[in-house]
ModelCIF file with pLDDT and N, C-alpha, C, O atoms, coordinates in Angstrom:
data_MODEL
#
_entry.id   MODEL 
#
_entity.id                         1 
_entity.type                       polymer 
_entity.pdbx_number_of_molecules   1 
#
_entity_poly.entity_id                      1 
_entity_poly.type                           'polypeptide(L)' 
_entity_poly.nstd_linkage                   no 
_entity_poly.nstd_monomer                   no 
_entity_poly.pdbx_seq_one_letter_code       GHVPGRDFELRLTLTGAVLRIEVSDTRGEKRPPCPGELAPPPSVVETG 
_entity_poly.pdbx_seq_one_letter_code_can   GHVPGRDFELRLTLTGAVLRIEVSDTRGEKRPPCPGELAPPPSVVETG 
_entity_poly.pdbx_strand_id                 A 
#
loop_
_entity_poly_seq.entity_id 
_entity_poly_seq.num 
_entity_poly_seq.mon_id 
_entity_poly_seq.hetero 
1 1  GLY n 
1 2  HIS n 
1 3  VAL n 
1 4  PRO n 
1 5  GLY n 
1 6  ARG n 
1 7  ASP n 
1 8  PHE n 
1 9  GLU n 
1 10 LEU n 
1 11 ARG n 
1 12 LEU n 
1 13 THR n 
1 14 LEU n 
1 15 THR n 
1 16 GLY n 
1 17 ALA n 
1 18 VAL n 
1 19 LEU n 
1 20 ARG n 
1 21 ILE n 
1 22 GLU n 
1 23 VAL n 
1 24 SER n 
1 25 ASP n 
1 26 THR n 
1 27 ARG n 
1 28 GLY n 
1 29 GLU n 
1 30 LYS n 
1 31 ARG n 
1 32 PRO n 
1 33 PRO n 
1 34 CYS n 
1 35 PRO n 
1 36 GLY n 
1 37 GLU n 
1 38 LEU n 
1 39 ALA n 
1 40 PRO n 
1 41 PRO n 
1 42 PRO n 
1 43 SER n 
1 44 VAL n 
1 45 VAL n 
1 46 GLU n 
1 47 THR n 
1 48 GLY n 
#
_struct_asym.id          A 
_struct_asym.entity_id   1 
#
loop_
_ma_qa_metric.id 
_ma_qa_metric.mode 
_ma_qa_metric.name 
_ma_qa_metric.software_group_id 
_ma_qa_metric.type 
1 global pLDDT . pLDDT 
2 local  pLDDT . pLDDT 
#
_ma_qa_metric_global.metric_id      1 
_ma_qa_metric_global.metric_value   79.40 
_ma_qa_metric_global.model_id       1 
_ma_qa_metric_global.ordinal_id     1 
#
loop_
_ma_qa_metric_local.label_asym_id 
_ma_qa_metric_local.label_comp_id 
_ma_qa_metric_local.label_seq_id 
_ma_qa_metric_local.metric_id 
_ma_qa_metric_local.metric_value 
_ma_qa_metric_local.model_id 
_ma_qa_metric_local.ordinal_id 
A GLY 1  2 73.00 1 1  
A HIS 2  2 71.00 1 2  
A VAL 3  2 74.00 1 3  
A PRO 4  2 73.00 1 4  
A GLY 5  2 72.00 1 5  
A ARG 6  2 82.00 1 6  
A ASP 7  2 89.00 1 7  
A PHE 8  2 93.00 1 8  
A GLU 9  2 95.00 1 9  
A LEU 10 2 98.00 1 10 
A ARG 11 2 98.00 1 11 
A LEU 12 2 98.00 1 12 
A THR 13 2 97.00 1 13 
A LEU 14 2 97.00 1 14 
A THR 15 2 93.00 1 15 
A GLY 16 2 85.00 1 16 
A ALA 17 2 92.00 1 17 
A VAL 18 2 96.00 1 18 
A LEU 19 2 97.00 1 19 
A ARG 20 2 98.00 1 20 
A ILE 21 2 98.00 1 21 
A GLU 22 2 97.00 1 22 
A VAL 23 2 96.00 1 23 
A SER 24 2 94.00 1 24 
A ASP 25 2 90.00 1 25 
A THR 26 2 86.00 1 26 
A ARG 27 2 77.00 1 27 
A GLY 28 2 73.00 1 28 
A GLU 29 2 76.00 1 29 
A LYS 30 2 73.00 1 30 
A ARG 31 2 74.00 1 31 
A PRO 32 2 72.00 1 32 
A PRO 33 2 71.00 1 33 
A CYS 34 2 72.00 1 34 
A PRO 35 2 74.00 1 35 
A GLY 36 2 74.00 1 36 
A GLU 37 2 72.00 1 37 
A LEU 38 2 64.00 1 38 
A ALA 39 2 67.00 1 39 
A PRO 40 2 69.00 1 40 
A PRO 41 2 63.00 1 41 
A PRO 42 2 61.00 1 42 
A SER 43 2 63.00 1 43 
A VAL 44 2 60.00 1 44 
A VAL 45 2 56.00 1 45 
A GLU 46 2 57.00 1 46 
A THR 47 2 56.00 1 47 
A GLY 48 2 55.00 1 48 
#
loop_
_atom_site.group_PDB 
_atom_site.id 
_atom_site.type_symbol 
_atom_site.label_atom_id 
_atom_site.label_alt_id 
_atom_site.label_comp_id 
_atom_site.label_asym_id 
_atom_site.label_entity_id 
_atom_site.label_seq_id 
_atom_site.pdbx_PDB_ins_code 
_atom_site.Cartn_x 
_atom_site.Cartn_y 
_atom_site.Cartn_z 
_atom_site.occupancy 
_atom_site.B_iso_or_equiv 
_atom_site.pdbx_formal_charge 
_atom_site.auth_seq_id 
_atom_site.auth_comp_id 
_atom_site.auth_asym_id 
_atom_site.auth_atom_id 
_atom_site.pdbx_PDB_model_num 
ATOM 1   N N  . GLY A 1 1  ? 0.781   -1.290  0.087  1.00 73.00 ? 1  GLY A N  1 
ATOM 2   C CA . GLY A 1 1  ? 0.160   -0.020  -0.194 1.00 73.00 ? 1  GLY A CA 1 
ATOM 3   C C  . GLY A 1 1  ? 0.718   1.161   0.031  1.00 73.00 ? 1  GLY A C  1 
ATOM 4   O O  . GLY A 1 1  ? 0.085   2.168   0.346  1.00 73.00 ? 1  GLY A O  1 
ATOM 5   N N  . HIS A 1 2  ? 1.921   1.094   -0.119 1.00 71.00 ? 2  HIS A N  1 
ATOM 6   C CA . HIS A 1 2  ? 2.879   2.007   -0.031 1.00 71.00 ? 2  HIS A CA 1 
ATOM 7   C C  . HIS A 1 2  ? 3.157   3.361   -1.300 1.00 71.00 ? 2  HIS A C  1 
ATOM 8   O O  . HIS A 1 2  ? 3.802   3.161   -2.329 1.00 71.00 ? 2  HIS A O  1 
ATOM 9   N N  . VAL A 1 3  ? 2.704   4.314   -1.044 1.00 74.00 ? 3  VAL A N  1 
ATOM 10  C CA . VAL A 1 3  ? 2.467   5.578   -2.110 1.00 74.00 ? 3  VAL A CA 1 
ATOM 11  C C  . VAL A 1 3  ? 3.749   6.427   -1.385 1.00 74.00 ? 3  VAL A C  1 
ATOM 12  O O  . VAL A 1 3  ? 3.951   6.698   -0.201 1.00 74.00 ? 3  VAL A O  1 
ATOM 13  N N  . PRO A 1 4  ? 4.527   6.728   -2.616 1.00 73.00 ? 4  PRO A N  1 
ATOM 14  C CA . PRO A 1 4  ? 5.734   7.941   -1.565 1.00 73.00 ? 4  PRO A CA 1 
ATOM 15  C C  . PRO A 1 4  ? 5.275   9.091   -1.073 1.00 73.00 ? 4  PRO A C  1 
ATOM 16  O O  . PRO A 1 4  ? 4.475   9.816   -1.664 1.00 73.00 ? 4  PRO A O  1 
ATOM 17  N N  . GLY A 1 5  ? 5.776   9.317   0.070  1.00 72.00 ? 5  GLY A N  1 
ATOM 18  C CA . GLY A 1 5  ? 5.459   10.632  0.606  1.00 72.00 ? 5  GLY A CA 1 
ATOM 19  C C  . GLY A 1 5  ? 4.081   10.267  1.577  1.00 72.00 ? 5  GLY A C  1 
ATOM 20  O O  . GLY A 1 5  ? 3.561   11.254  2.097  1.00 72.00 ? 5  GLY A O  1 
ATOM 21  N N  . ARG A 1 6  ? 3.523   9.086   1.831  1.00 82.00 ? 6  ARG A N  1 
ATOM 22  C CA . ARG A 1 6  ? 1.935   8.749   2.399  1.00 82.00 ? 6  ARG A CA 1 
ATOM 23  C C  . ARG A 1 6  ? 2.253   8.050   3.373  1.00 82.00 ? 6  ARG A C  1 
ATOM 24  O O  . ARG A 1 6  ? 3.229   7.320   3.198  1.00 82.00 ? 6  ARG A O  1 
ATOM 25  N N  . ASP A 1 7  ? 1.679   8.020   4.503  1.00 89.00 ? 7  ASP A N  1 
ATOM 26  C CA . ASP A 1 7  ? 2.040   7.373   5.811  1.00 89.00 ? 7  ASP A CA 1 
ATOM 27  C C  . ASP A 1 7  ? 0.535   6.175   5.651  1.00 89.00 ? 7  ASP A C  1 
ATOM 28  O O  . ASP A 1 7  ? -0.479  6.437   5.004  1.00 89.00 ? 7  ASP A O  1 
ATOM 29  N N  . PHE A 1 8  ? 0.756   5.043   6.334  1.00 93.00 ? 8  PHE A N  1 
ATOM 30  C CA . PHE A 1 8  ? -0.185  4.331   6.616  1.00 93.00 ? 8  PHE A CA 1 
ATOM 31  C C  . PHE A 1 8  ? -0.913  4.379   8.226  1.00 93.00 ? 8  PHE A C  1 
ATOM 32  O O  . PHE A 1 8  ? -0.166  4.477   9.199  1.00 93.00 ? 8  PHE A O  1 
ATOM 33  N N  . GLU A 1 9  ? -2.311  4.307   8.394  1.00 95.00 ? 9  GLU A N  1 
ATOM 34  C CA . GLU A 1 9  ? -2.683  4.440   9.827  1.00 95.00 ? 9  GLU A CA 1 
ATOM 35  C C  . GLU A 1 9  ? -3.030  3.471   10.456 1.00 95.00 ? 9  GLU A C  1 
ATOM 36  O O  . GLU A 1 9  ? -3.493  2.512   9.837  1.00 95.00 ? 9  GLU A O  1 
ATOM 37  N N  . LEU A 1 10 ? -2.920  3.436   11.760 1.00 98.00 ? 10 LEU A N  1 
ATOM 38  C CA . LEU A 1 10 ? -3.545  2.291   12.406 1.00 98.00 ? 10 LEU A CA 1 
ATOM 39  C C  . LEU A 1 10 ? -4.472  2.732   13.587 1.00 98.00 ? 10 LEU A C  1 
ATOM 40  O O  . LEU A 1 10 ? -4.080  3.641   14.319 1.00 98.00 ? 10 LEU A O  1 
ATOM 41  N N  . ARG A 1 11 ? -5.549  2.199   13.784 1.00 98.00 ? 11 ARG A N  1 
ATOM 42  C CA . ARG A 1 11 ? -6.605  2.751   14.616 1.00 98.00 ? 11 ARG A CA 1 
ATOM 43  C C  . ARG A 1 11 ? -7.252  1.628   15.644 1.00 98.00 ? 11 ARG A C  1 
ATOM 44  O O  . ARG A 1 11 ? -8.083  0.944   15.048 1.00 98.00 ? 11 ARG A O  1 
ATOM 45  N N  . LEU A 1 12 ? -7.149  1.398   16.514 1.00 98.00 ? 12 LEU A N  1 
ATOM 46  C CA . LEU A 1 12 ? -7.470  0.441   17.752 1.00 98.00 ? 12 LEU A CA 1 
ATOM 47  C C  . LEU A 1 12 ? -8.551  1.087   18.358 1.00 98.00 ? 12 LEU A C  1 
ATOM 48  O O  . LEU A 1 12 ? -8.610  2.257   18.737 1.00 98.00 ? 12 LEU A O  1 
ATOM 49  N N  . THR A 1 13 ? -9.639  -0.039  18.428 1.00 97.00 ? 13 THR A N  1 
ATOM 50  C CA . THR A 1 13 ? -11.123 0.775   19.163 1.00 97.00 ? 13 THR A CA 1 
ATOM 51  C C  . THR A 1 13 ? -11.284 -0.501  20.011 1.00 97.00 ? 13 THR A C  1 
ATOM 52  O O  . THR A 1 13 ? -11.383 -1.644  19.564 1.00 97.00 ? 13 THR A O  1 
ATOM 53  N N  . LEU A 1 14 ? -11.295 -0.089  21.441 1.00 97.00 ? 14 LEU A N  1 
ATOM 54  C CA . LEU A 1 14 ? -11.740 -1.077  22.206 1.00 97.00 ? 14 LEU A CA 1 
ATOM 55  C C  . LEU A 1 14 ? -13.373 -0.885  22.934 1.00 97.00 ? 14 LEU A C  1 
ATOM 56  O O  . LEU A 1 14 ? -13.790 0.042   23.629 1.00 97.00 ? 14 LEU A O  1 
ATOM 57  N N  . THR A 1 15 ? -13.816 -1.674  22.643 1.00 93.00 ? 15 THR A N  1 
ATOM 58  C CA . THR A 1 15 ? -15.431 -1.324  23.371 1.00 93.00 ? 15 THR A CA 1 
ATOM 59  C C  . THR A 1 15 ? -15.569 -2.352  24.418 1.00 93.00 ? 15 THR A C  1 
ATOM 60  O O  . THR A 1 15 ? -14.478 -2.727  24.848 1.00 93.00 ? 15 THR A O  1 
ATOM 61  N N  . GLY A 1 16 ? -16.851 -3.054  25.083 1.00 85.00 ? 16 GLY A N  1 
ATOM 62  C CA . GLY A 1 16 ? -16.850 -3.764  25.841 1.00 85.00 ? 16 GLY A CA 1 
ATOM 63  C C  . GLY A 1 16 ? -16.839 -5.139  25.699 1.00 85.00 ? 16 GLY A C  1 
ATOM 64  O O  . GLY A 1 16 ? -16.690 -5.993  26.574 1.00 85.00 ? 16 GLY A O  1 
ATOM 65  N N  . ALA A 1 17 ? -17.025 -5.280  24.420 1.00 92.00 ? 17 ALA A N  1 
ATOM 66  C CA . ALA A 1 17 ? -16.899 -6.707  23.504 1.00 92.00 ? 17 ALA A CA 1 
ATOM 67  C C  . ALA A 1 17 ? -16.285 -7.048  22.521 1.00 92.00 ? 17 ALA A C  1 
ATOM 68  O O  . ALA A 1 17 ? -16.330 -8.202  22.097 1.00 92.00 ? 17 ALA A O  1 
ATOM 69  N N  . VAL A 1 18 ? -15.421 -5.864  21.836 1.00 96.00 ? 18 VAL A N  1 
ATOM 70  C CA . VAL A 1 18 ? -14.724 -6.378  20.780 1.00 96.00 ? 18 VAL A CA 1 
ATOM 71  C C  . VAL A 1 18 ? -13.464 -5.279  20.777 1.00 96.00 ? 18 VAL A C  1 
ATOM 72  O O  . VAL A 1 18 ? -13.528 -4.087  21.077 1.00 96.00 ? 18 VAL A O  1 
ATOM 73  N N  . LEU A 1 19 ? -12.389 -5.987  20.379 1.00 97.00 ? 19 LEU A N  1 
ATOM 74  C CA . LEU A 1 19 ? -11.091 -5.228  19.917 1.00 97.00 ? 19 LEU A CA 1 
ATOM 75  C C  . LEU A 1 19 ? -11.019 -4.996  18.111 1.00 97.00 ? 19 LEU A C  1 
ATOM 76  O O  . LEU A 1 19 ? -10.595 -5.800  17.282 1.00 97.00 ? 19 LEU A O  1 
ATOM 77  N N  . ARG A 1 20 ? -11.453 -3.952  17.937 1.00 98.00 ? 20 ARG A N  1 
ATOM 78  C CA . ARG A 1 20 ? -11.396 -3.485  16.398 1.00 98.00 ? 20 ARG A CA 1 
ATOM 79  C C  . ARG A 1 20 ? -10.136 -3.007  15.856 1.00 98.00 ? 20 ARG A C  1 
ATOM 80  O O  . ARG A 1 20 ? -9.789  -1.866  16.163 1.00 98.00 ? 20 ARG A O  1 
ATOM 81  N N  . ILE A 1 21 ? -9.203  -3.895  14.891 1.00 98.00 ? 21 ILE A N  1 
ATOM 82  C CA . ILE A 1 21 ? -8.096  -3.171  14.242 1.00 98.00 ? 21 ILE A CA 1 
ATOM 83  C C  . ILE A 1 21 ? -8.363  -2.737  13.026 1.00 98.00 ? 21 ILE A C  1 
ATOM 84  O O  . ILE A 1 21 ? -9.035  -3.446  12.278 1.00 98.00 ? 21 ILE A O  1 
ATOM 85  N N  . GLU A 1 22 ? -7.883  -1.488  12.608 1.00 97.00 ? 22 GLU A N  1 
ATOM 86  C CA . GLU A 1 22 ? -8.037  -1.007  11.042 1.00 97.00 ? 22 GLU A CA 1 
ATOM 87  C C  . GLU A 1 22 ? -6.869  -0.562  10.762 1.00 97.00 ? 22 GLU A C  1 
ATOM 88  O O  . GLU A 1 22 ? -6.384  0.197   11.600 1.00 97.00 ? 22 GLU A O  1 
ATOM 89  N N  . VAL A 1 23 ? -6.113  -0.851  9.622  1.00 96.00 ? 23 VAL A N  1 
ATOM 90  C CA . VAL A 1 23 ? -4.958  -0.474  9.450  1.00 96.00 ? 23 VAL A CA 1 
ATOM 91  C C  . VAL A 1 23 ? -5.431  -0.277  7.877  1.00 96.00 ? 23 VAL A C  1 
ATOM 92  O O  . VAL A 1 23 ? -5.872  -1.163  7.145  1.00 96.00 ? 23 VAL A O  1 
ATOM 93  N N  . SER A 1 24 ? -5.169  1.470   7.467  1.00 94.00 ? 24 SER A N  1 
ATOM 94  C CA . SER A 1 24 ? -5.648  2.142   6.332  1.00 94.00 ? 24 SER A CA 1 
ATOM 95  C C  . SER A 1 24 ? -4.313  2.530   5.581  1.00 94.00 ? 24 SER A C  1 
ATOM 96  O O  . SER A 1 24 ? -3.328  2.849   6.246  1.00 94.00 ? 24 SER A O  1 
ATOM 97  N N  . ASP A 1 25 ? -4.274  2.508   4.228  1.00 90.00 ? 25 ASP A N  1 
ATOM 98  C CA . ASP A 1 25 ? -3.401  3.165   3.495  1.00 90.00 ? 25 ASP A CA 1 
ATOM 99  C C  . ASP A 1 25 ? -3.880  4.019   2.261  1.00 90.00 ? 25 ASP A C  1 
ATOM 100 O O  . ASP A 1 25 ? -5.055  3.883   1.920  1.00 90.00 ? 25 ASP A O  1 
ATOM 101 N N  . THR A 1 26 ? -3.203  4.747   1.676  1.00 86.00 ? 26 THR A N  1 
ATOM 102 C CA . THR A 1 26 ? -3.681  5.345   0.257  1.00 86.00 ? 26 THR A CA 1 
ATOM 103 C C  . THR A 1 26 ? -3.854  4.881   -1.151 1.00 86.00 ? 26 THR A C  1 
ATOM 104 O O  . THR A 1 26 ? -4.315  5.536   -2.086 1.00 86.00 ? 26 THR A O  1 
ATOM 105 N N  . ARG A 1 27 ? -3.399  3.610   -1.162 1.00 77.00 ? 27 ARG A N  1 
ATOM 106 C CA . ARG A 1 27 ? -3.438  2.629   -2.347 1.00 77.00 ? 27 ARG A CA 1 
ATOM 107 C C  . ARG A 1 27 ? -4.673  2.173   -2.608 1.00 77.00 ? 27 ARG A C  1 
ATOM 108 O O  . ARG A 1 27 ? -4.779  0.947   -2.609 1.00 77.00 ? 27 ARG A O  1 
ATOM 109 N N  . GLY A 1 28 ? -5.633  2.800   -2.828 1.00 73.00 ? 28 GLY A N  1 
ATOM 110 C CA . GLY A 1 28 ? -6.854  1.787   -3.320 1.00 73.00 ? 28 GLY A CA 1 
ATOM 111 C C  . GLY A 1 28 ? -7.078  1.044   -4.323 1.00 73.00 ? 28 GLY A C  1 
ATOM 112 O O  . GLY A 1 28 ? -7.910  0.137   -4.337 1.00 73.00 ? 28 GLY A O  1 
ATOM 113 N N  . GLU A 1 29 ? -6.367  1.362   -5.228 1.00 76.00 ? 29 GLU A N  1 
ATOM 114 C CA . GLU A 1 29 ? -6.052  0.199   -6.431 1.00 76.00 ? 29 GLU A CA 1 
ATOM 115 C C  . GLU A 1 29 ? -5.507  -1.152  -6.080 1.00 76.00 ? 29 GLU A C  1 
ATOM 116 O O  . GLU A 1 29 ? -5.501  -2.037  -6.935 1.00 76.00 ? 29 GLU A O  1 
ATOM 117 N N  . LYS A 1 30 ? -5.180  -1.300  -5.219 1.00 73.00 ? 30 LYS A N  1 
ATOM 118 C CA . LYS A 1 30 ? -3.903  -2.338  -4.756 1.00 73.00 ? 30 LYS A CA 1 
ATOM 119 C C  . LYS A 1 30 ? -5.124  -3.380  -3.756 1.00 73.00 ? 30 LYS A C  1 
ATOM 120 O O  . LYS A 1 30 ? -4.584  -3.675  -2.690 1.00 73.00 ? 30 LYS A O  1 
ATOM 121 N N  . ARG A 1 31 ? -6.133  -3.791  -3.827 1.00 74.00 ? 31 ARG A N  1 
ATOM 122 C CA . ARG A 1 31 ? -6.724  -4.539  -2.783 1.00 74.00 ? 31 ARG A CA 1 
ATOM 123 C C  . ARG A 1 31 ? -6.562  -5.493  -2.500 1.00 74.00 ? 31 ARG A C  1 
ATOM 124 O O  . ARG A 1 31 ? -6.218  -6.132  -3.494 1.00 74.00 ? 31 ARG A O  1 
ATOM 125 N N  . PRO A 1 32 ? -6.617  -6.430  -1.155 1.00 72.00 ? 32 PRO A N  1 
ATOM 126 C CA . PRO A 1 32 ? -6.482  -7.850  -1.301 1.00 72.00 ? 32 PRO A CA 1 
ATOM 127 C C  . PRO A 1 32 ? -7.647  -8.323  -1.470 1.00 72.00 ? 32 PRO A C  1 
ATOM 128 O O  . PRO A 1 32 ? -8.638  -7.638  -1.724 1.00 72.00 ? 32 PRO A O  1 
ATOM 129 N N  . PRO A 1 33 ? -7.618  -9.927  -1.303 1.00 71.00 ? 33 PRO A N  1 
ATOM 130 C CA . PRO A 1 33 ? -8.572  -10.555 -1.382 1.00 71.00 ? 33 PRO A CA 1 
ATOM 131 C C  . PRO A 1 33 ? -9.492  -10.303 -0.260 1.00 71.00 ? 33 PRO A C  1 
ATOM 132 O O  . PRO A 1 33 ? -9.094  -9.855  0.815  1.00 71.00 ? 33 PRO A O  1 
ATOM 133 N N  . CYS A 1 34 ? -11.045 -10.667 -0.574 1.00 72.00 ? 34 CYS A N  1 
ATOM 134 C CA . CYS A 1 34 ? -11.621 -10.704 0.461  1.00 72.00 ? 34 CYS A CA 1 
ATOM 135 C C  . CYS A 1 34 ? -12.070 -11.708 1.128  1.00 72.00 ? 34 CYS A C  1 
ATOM 136 O O  . CYS A 1 34 ? -12.200 -12.792 0.559  1.00 72.00 ? 34 CYS A O  1 
ATOM 137 N N  . PRO A 1 35 ? -12.484 -11.507 2.833  1.00 74.00 ? 35 PRO A N  1 
ATOM 138 C CA . PRO A 1 35 ? -12.567 -12.841 3.501  1.00 74.00 ? 35 PRO A CA 1 
ATOM 139 C C  . PRO A 1 35 ? -13.380 -13.939 2.683  1.00 74.00 ? 35 PRO A C  1 
ATOM 140 O O  . PRO A 1 35 ? -14.391 -13.699 2.023  1.00 74.00 ? 35 PRO A O  1 
ATOM 141 N N  . GLY A 1 36 ? -12.667 -15.404 2.859  1.00 74.00 ? 36 GLY A N  1 
ATOM 142 C CA . GLY A 1 36 ? -13.140 -16.375 1.855  1.00 74.00 ? 36 GLY A CA 1 
ATOM 143 C C  . GLY A 1 36 ? -13.070 -16.541 0.834  1.00 74.00 ? 36 GLY A C  1 
ATOM 144 O O  . GLY A 1 36 ? -13.767 -17.338 0.206  1.00 74.00 ? 36 GLY A O  1 
ATOM 145 N N  . GLU A 1 37 ? -11.989 -15.653 0.273  1.00 72.00 ? 37 GLU A N  1 
ATOM 146 C CA . GLU A 1 37 ? -11.565 -15.637 -1.236 1.00 72.00 ? 37 GLU A CA 1 
ATOM 147 C C  . GLU A 1 37 ? -10.024 -15.962 -0.970 1.00 72.00 ? 37 GLU A C  1 
ATOM 148 O O  . GLU A 1 37 ? -9.342  -15.972 -1.994 1.00 72.00 ? 37 GLU A O  1 
ATOM 149 N N  . LEU A 1 38 ? -9.384  -16.217 0.176  1.00 64.00 ? 38 LEU A N  1 
ATOM 150 C CA . LEU A 1 38 ? -7.961  -16.508 0.285  1.00 64.00 ? 38 LEU A CA 1 
ATOM 151 C C  . LEU A 1 38 ? -7.512  -17.969 -0.179 1.00 64.00 ? 38 LEU A C  1 
ATOM 152 O O  . LEU A 1 38 ? -7.998  -19.028 0.219  1.00 64.00 ? 38 LEU A O  1 
ATOM 153 N N  . ALA A 1 39 ? -6.408  -17.791 -1.170 1.00 67.00 ? 39 ALA A N  1 
ATOM 154 C CA . ALA A 1 39 ? -6.133  -19.159 -1.364 1.00 67.00 ? 39 ALA A CA 1 
ATOM 155 C C  . ALA A 1 39 ? -4.723  -19.200 -0.790 1.00 67.00 ? 39 ALA A C  1 
ATOM 156 O O  . ALA A 1 39 ? -4.150  -18.114 -0.690 1.00 67.00 ? 39 ALA A O  1 
ATOM 157 N N  . PRO A 1 40 ? -3.980  -20.477 -0.337 1.00 69.00 ? 40 PRO A N  1 
ATOM 158 C CA . PRO A 1 40 ? -2.567  -20.424 0.081  1.00 69.00 ? 40 PRO A CA 1 
ATOM 159 C C  . PRO A 1 40 ? -1.973  -20.451 -1.047 1.00 69.00 ? 40 PRO A C  1 
ATOM 160 O O  . PRO A 1 40 ? -2.351  -21.065 -2.045 1.00 69.00 ? 40 PRO A O  1 
ATOM 161 N N  . PRO A 1 41 ? -0.845  -19.665 -0.916 1.00 63.00 ? 41 PRO A N  1 
ATOM 162 C CA . PRO A 1 41 ? 0.542   -19.392 -1.870 1.00 63.00 ? 41 PRO A CA 1 
ATOM 163 C C  . PRO A 1 41 ? 0.975   -20.907 -1.850 1.00 63.00 ? 41 PRO A C  1 
ATOM 164 O O  . PRO A 1 41 ? 0.873   -21.690 -0.905 1.00 63.00 ? 41 PRO A O  1 
ATOM 165 N N  . PRO A 1 42 ? 1.491   -21.145 -3.135 1.00 61.00 ? 42 PRO A N  1 
ATOM 166 C CA . PRO A 1 42 ? 2.341   -22.279 -3.389 1.00 61.00 ? 42 PRO A CA 1 
ATOM 167 C C  . PRO A 1 42 ? 3.506   -22.634 -2.475 1.00 61.00 ? 42 PRO A C  1 
ATOM 168 O O  . PRO A 1 42 ? 4.347   -21.772 -2.217 1.00 61.00 ? 42 PRO A O  1 
ATOM 169 N N  . SER A 1 43 ? 3.602   -23.959 -1.935 1.00 63.00 ? 43 SER A N  1 
ATOM 170 C CA . SER A 1 43 ? 4.548   -24.066 -0.803 1.00 63.00 ? 43 SER A CA 1 
ATOM 171 C C  . SER A 1 43 ? 5.829   -23.267 -1.261 1.00 63.00 ? 43 SER A C  1 
ATOM 172 O O  . SER A 1 43 ? 6.364   -22.616 -0.364 1.00 63.00 ? 43 SER A O  1 
ATOM 173 N N  . VAL A 1 44 ? 6.375   -23.212 -2.441 1.00 60.00 ? 44 VAL A N  1 
ATOM 174 C CA . VAL A 1 44 ? 7.884   -23.006 -2.827 1.00 60.00 ? 44 VAL A CA 1 
ATOM 175 C C  . VAL A 1 44 ? 7.924   -21.120 -2.716 1.00 60.00 ? 44 VAL A C  1 
ATOM 176 O O  . VAL A 1 44 ? 8.978   -20.518 -2.919 1.00 60.00 ? 44 VAL A O  1 
ATOM 177 N N  . VAL A 1 45 ? 6.835   -20.511 -2.427 1.00 56.00 ? 45 VAL A N  1 
ATOM 178 C CA . VAL A 1 45 ? 6.687   -19.166 -2.242 1.00 56.00 ? 45 VAL A CA 1 
ATOM 179 C C  . VAL A 1 45 ? 7.053   -18.757 -0.693 1.00 56.00 ? 45 VAL A C  1 
ATOM 180 O O  . VAL A 1 45 ? 6.633   -19.460 0.225  1.00 56.00 ? 45 VAL A O  1 
ATOM 181 N N  . GLU A 1 46 ? 7.637   -17.906 -0.509 1.00 57.00 ? 46 GLU A N  1 
ATOM 182 C CA . GLU A 1 46 ? 8.060   -17.500 0.873  1.00 57.00 ? 46 GLU A CA 1 
ATOM 183 C C  . GLU A 1 46 ? 7.095   -16.461 1.402  1.00 57.00 ? 46 GLU A C  1 
ATOM 184 O O  . GLU A 1 46 ? 7.062   -16.321 2.625  1.00 57.00 ? 46 GLU A O  1 
ATOM 185 N N  . THR A 1 47 ? 6.255   -15.667 0.604  1.00 56.00 ? 47 THR A N  1 
ATOM 186 C CA . THR A 1 47 ? 5.599   -14.402 0.951  1.00 56.00 ? 47 THR A CA 1 
ATOM 187 C C  . THR A 1 47 ? 3.989   -15.260 0.656  1.00 56.00 ? 47 THR A C  1 
ATOM 188 O O  . THR A 1 47 ? 3.804   -16.383 0.188  1.00 56.00 ? 47 THR A O  1 
ATOM 189 N N  . GLY A 1 48 ? 2.888   -14.132 1.179  1.00 55.00 ? 48 GLY A N  1 
ATOM 190 C CA . GLY A 1 48 ? 1.501   -14.103 0.657  1.00 55.00 ? 48 GLY A CA 1 
ATOM 191 C C  . GLY A 1 48 ? 0.697   -15.017 1.688  1.00 55.00 ? 48 GLY A C  1 
ATOM 192 O O  . GLY A 1 48 ? -0.510  -15.203 1.537  1.00 55.00 ? 48 GLY A O  1 
#
């Protein structure tokens, strides 16, 4: 999500029942897959 000159933002919100973690960046065109759409990477790949 890196865009030169732009930061990312972390937001933690704690309520009585939930800890919410949000990480935001300014690169909207590079979206990760949604929940349930993730596929494990090949075993020879070290990332992902």
